[in-house]
Every structure is written in C-alpha cells, then in structure tokens.
N, C-alpha and C. Protein backbone atom coordinates (compact mmCIF):
# COMPACT_ATOMS: atom_id res chain seq x y z
N UNK A 1 4.87 -3.53 21.09
CA UNK A 1 4.95 -4.91 20.66
C UNK A 1 3.50 -5.44 20.62
N UNK A 2 2.68 -5.09 21.52
CA UNK A 2 1.36 -5.57 21.54
C UNK A 2 0.63 -5.22 20.22
N UNK A 3 0.80 -3.99 19.78
CA UNK A 3 0.21 -3.57 18.54
C UNK A 3 0.68 -4.31 17.34
N UNK A 4 1.97 -4.58 17.30
CA UNK A 4 2.57 -5.23 16.12
C UNK A 4 2.02 -6.75 16.08
N UNK A 5 1.83 -7.40 17.27
CA UNK A 5 1.28 -8.78 17.31
C UNK A 5 -0.04 -8.66 16.84
N UNK A 6 -0.90 -7.76 17.34
CA UNK A 6 -2.28 -7.58 17.01
C UNK A 6 -2.47 -7.43 15.46
N UNK A 7 -1.65 -6.39 14.98
CA UNK A 7 -1.71 -6.13 13.51
C UNK A 7 -1.29 -7.42 12.70
N UNK A 8 -0.32 -8.11 13.02
CA UNK A 8 0.16 -9.27 12.34
C UNK A 8 -0.90 -10.34 12.36
N UNK A 9 -1.50 -10.63 13.48
CA UNK A 9 -2.47 -11.64 13.55
C UNK A 9 -3.71 -11.31 12.76
N UNK A 10 -4.19 -10.09 12.75
CA UNK A 10 -5.28 -9.64 11.91
C UNK A 10 -4.99 -9.85 10.49
N UNK A 11 -3.81 -9.44 10.11
CA UNK A 11 -3.37 -9.53 8.68
C UNK A 11 -3.32 -11.02 8.13
N UNK A 12 -2.67 -11.83 9.03
CA UNK A 12 -2.59 -13.21 8.62
C UNK A 12 -3.94 -13.92 8.56
N UNK A 13 -4.74 -13.77 9.50
CA UNK A 13 -6.01 -14.42 9.56
C UNK A 13 -7.00 -13.81 8.47
N UNK A 14 -6.96 -12.55 8.09
CA UNK A 14 -7.79 -11.92 7.08
C UNK A 14 -7.26 -12.48 5.84
N UNK A 15 -6.04 -12.57 5.55
CA UNK A 15 -5.57 -13.10 4.21
C UNK A 15 -5.88 -14.51 4.11
N UNK A 16 -5.82 -15.33 5.11
CA UNK A 16 -6.23 -16.73 5.06
C UNK A 16 -7.69 -16.83 4.71
N UNK A 17 -8.51 -15.98 5.38
CA UNK A 17 -9.91 -15.96 5.17
C UNK A 17 -10.22 -15.52 3.64
N UNK A 18 -9.54 -14.54 3.14
CA UNK A 18 -9.67 -14.23 1.74
C UNK A 18 -9.37 -15.24 0.79
N UNK A 19 -8.29 -15.92 1.05
CA UNK A 19 -7.75 -17.03 0.20
C UNK A 19 -8.83 -18.14 0.21
N UNK A 20 -9.37 -18.44 1.28
CA UNK A 20 -10.37 -19.54 1.35
C UNK A 20 -11.63 -19.06 0.65
N UNK A 21 -12.16 -17.83 0.91
CA UNK A 21 -13.35 -17.49 0.19
C UNK A 21 -13.26 -17.18 -1.21
N UNK A 22 -12.07 -16.84 -1.71
CA UNK A 22 -11.88 -16.53 -3.03
C UNK A 22 -12.26 -17.70 -4.11
N UNK A 23 -12.13 -18.86 -3.54
CA UNK A 23 -12.43 -19.98 -4.31
C UNK A 23 -13.87 -20.13 -4.70
N UNK A 24 -14.79 -19.39 -3.95
CA UNK A 24 -16.15 -19.47 -4.17
C UNK A 24 -16.59 -18.20 -4.98
N UNK A 25 -16.16 -16.99 -4.51
CA UNK A 25 -16.52 -15.72 -5.19
C UNK A 25 -16.04 -14.61 -4.35
N UNK A 26 -16.15 -13.47 -5.00
CA UNK A 26 -15.72 -12.18 -4.44
C UNK A 26 -16.35 -11.83 -3.19
N UNK A 27 -17.63 -11.86 -3.10
CA UNK A 27 -18.36 -11.49 -1.87
C UNK A 27 -18.12 -12.42 -0.77
N UNK A 28 -17.95 -13.68 -1.07
CA UNK A 28 -17.65 -14.77 -0.08
C UNK A 28 -16.26 -14.42 0.52
N UNK A 29 -15.37 -14.08 -0.41
CA UNK A 29 -14.05 -13.76 0.04
C UNK A 29 -14.05 -12.64 1.00
N UNK A 30 -14.79 -11.64 0.72
CA UNK A 30 -14.92 -10.50 1.59
C UNK A 30 -15.45 -10.83 2.98
N UNK A 31 -16.45 -11.66 2.97
CA UNK A 31 -17.14 -12.00 4.22
C UNK A 31 -16.20 -12.96 5.14
N UNK A 32 -15.59 -13.88 4.44
CA UNK A 32 -14.73 -14.77 5.14
C UNK A 32 -13.51 -14.02 5.64
N UNK A 33 -13.06 -13.04 4.83
CA UNK A 33 -11.97 -12.25 5.29
C UNK A 33 -12.27 -11.42 6.57
N UNK A 34 -13.49 -10.86 6.62
CA UNK A 34 -13.91 -10.21 7.66
C UNK A 34 -14.02 -11.02 9.04
N UNK A 35 -14.54 -12.20 8.80
CA UNK A 35 -14.58 -13.21 10.00
C UNK A 35 -13.11 -13.57 10.35
N UNK A 36 -12.20 -13.68 9.41
CA UNK A 36 -10.84 -13.98 9.69
C UNK A 36 -10.22 -12.86 10.55
N UNK A 37 -10.57 -11.59 10.20
CA UNK A 37 -10.06 -10.39 10.98
C UNK A 37 -10.46 -10.53 12.30
N UNK A 38 -11.83 -10.84 12.55
CA UNK A 38 -12.29 -10.99 14.00
C UNK A 38 -11.46 -12.07 14.71
N UNK A 39 -11.23 -13.16 14.08
CA UNK A 39 -10.54 -14.25 14.70
C UNK A 39 -9.04 -13.81 15.01
N UNK A 40 -8.53 -13.02 14.08
CA UNK A 40 -7.18 -12.39 14.25
C UNK A 40 -7.13 -11.55 15.45
N UNK A 41 -8.24 -10.77 15.73
CA UNK A 41 -8.19 -9.86 16.81
C UNK A 41 -8.27 -10.68 18.06
N UNK A 42 -9.04 -11.75 18.18
CA UNK A 42 -9.18 -12.66 19.33
C UNK A 42 -7.82 -13.37 19.63
N UNK A 43 -7.24 -13.87 18.48
CA UNK A 43 -5.98 -14.57 18.66
C UNK A 43 -4.81 -13.63 19.15
N UNK A 44 -4.77 -12.41 18.50
CA UNK A 44 -3.78 -11.40 18.99
C UNK A 44 -3.93 -10.99 20.48
N UNK A 45 -5.15 -10.77 20.87
CA UNK A 45 -5.40 -10.35 22.32
C UNK A 45 -4.97 -11.51 23.22
N UNK A 46 -5.33 -12.78 22.77
CA UNK A 46 -5.06 -13.88 23.63
C UNK A 46 -3.47 -14.10 23.78
N UNK A 47 -2.74 -13.91 22.64
CA UNK A 47 -1.28 -14.02 22.64
C UNK A 47 -0.69 -12.82 23.60
N UNK A 48 -1.29 -11.64 23.42
CA UNK A 48 -0.83 -10.52 24.38
C UNK A 48 -0.97 -10.87 25.81
N UNK A 49 -2.24 -11.48 26.11
CA UNK A 49 -2.57 -11.75 27.52
C UNK A 49 -1.68 -12.81 28.04
N UNK A 50 -1.38 -13.87 27.33
CA UNK A 50 -0.64 -15.06 27.70
C UNK A 50 0.80 -14.75 27.81
N UNK A 51 1.43 -13.99 26.89
CA UNK A 51 2.87 -13.88 26.84
C UNK A 51 3.49 -12.49 27.19
N UNK A 52 2.67 -11.44 27.02
CA UNK A 52 3.23 -10.14 27.24
C UNK A 52 2.78 -9.40 28.50
N UNK A 53 1.77 -9.86 29.24
CA UNK A 53 1.37 -9.26 30.40
C UNK A 53 2.16 -9.72 31.64
C-alpha cells in the first residue's frame, strides 16, 4: 500500500508540474515536472507516516 501511495503522489504532482510548465515551454515543463516529482515523494512519505505507520 505504501508503494502505491508513493507512486500515485509522484505521478499526480509530476503531471501537474508538467501541465503548469508546458504553458511556457518544453524545458520548463520538464524542470517543473521534476520539481513536482520531488514534492510528490515528500507528500507520499508524509501520508505514509501519518496514516499507515
């Protein structure tokens, strides 16, 4: 369950980052997507600590 939550949060935040960055350009979309992935890891770990441990 922990891996599913982590994968889901990374996917959602990465997609949102890509969507936001795509309005400016391809490279910006890539960089914002990467930052969104990092935020997704943080959020996924926090959810796992708060609700599954």
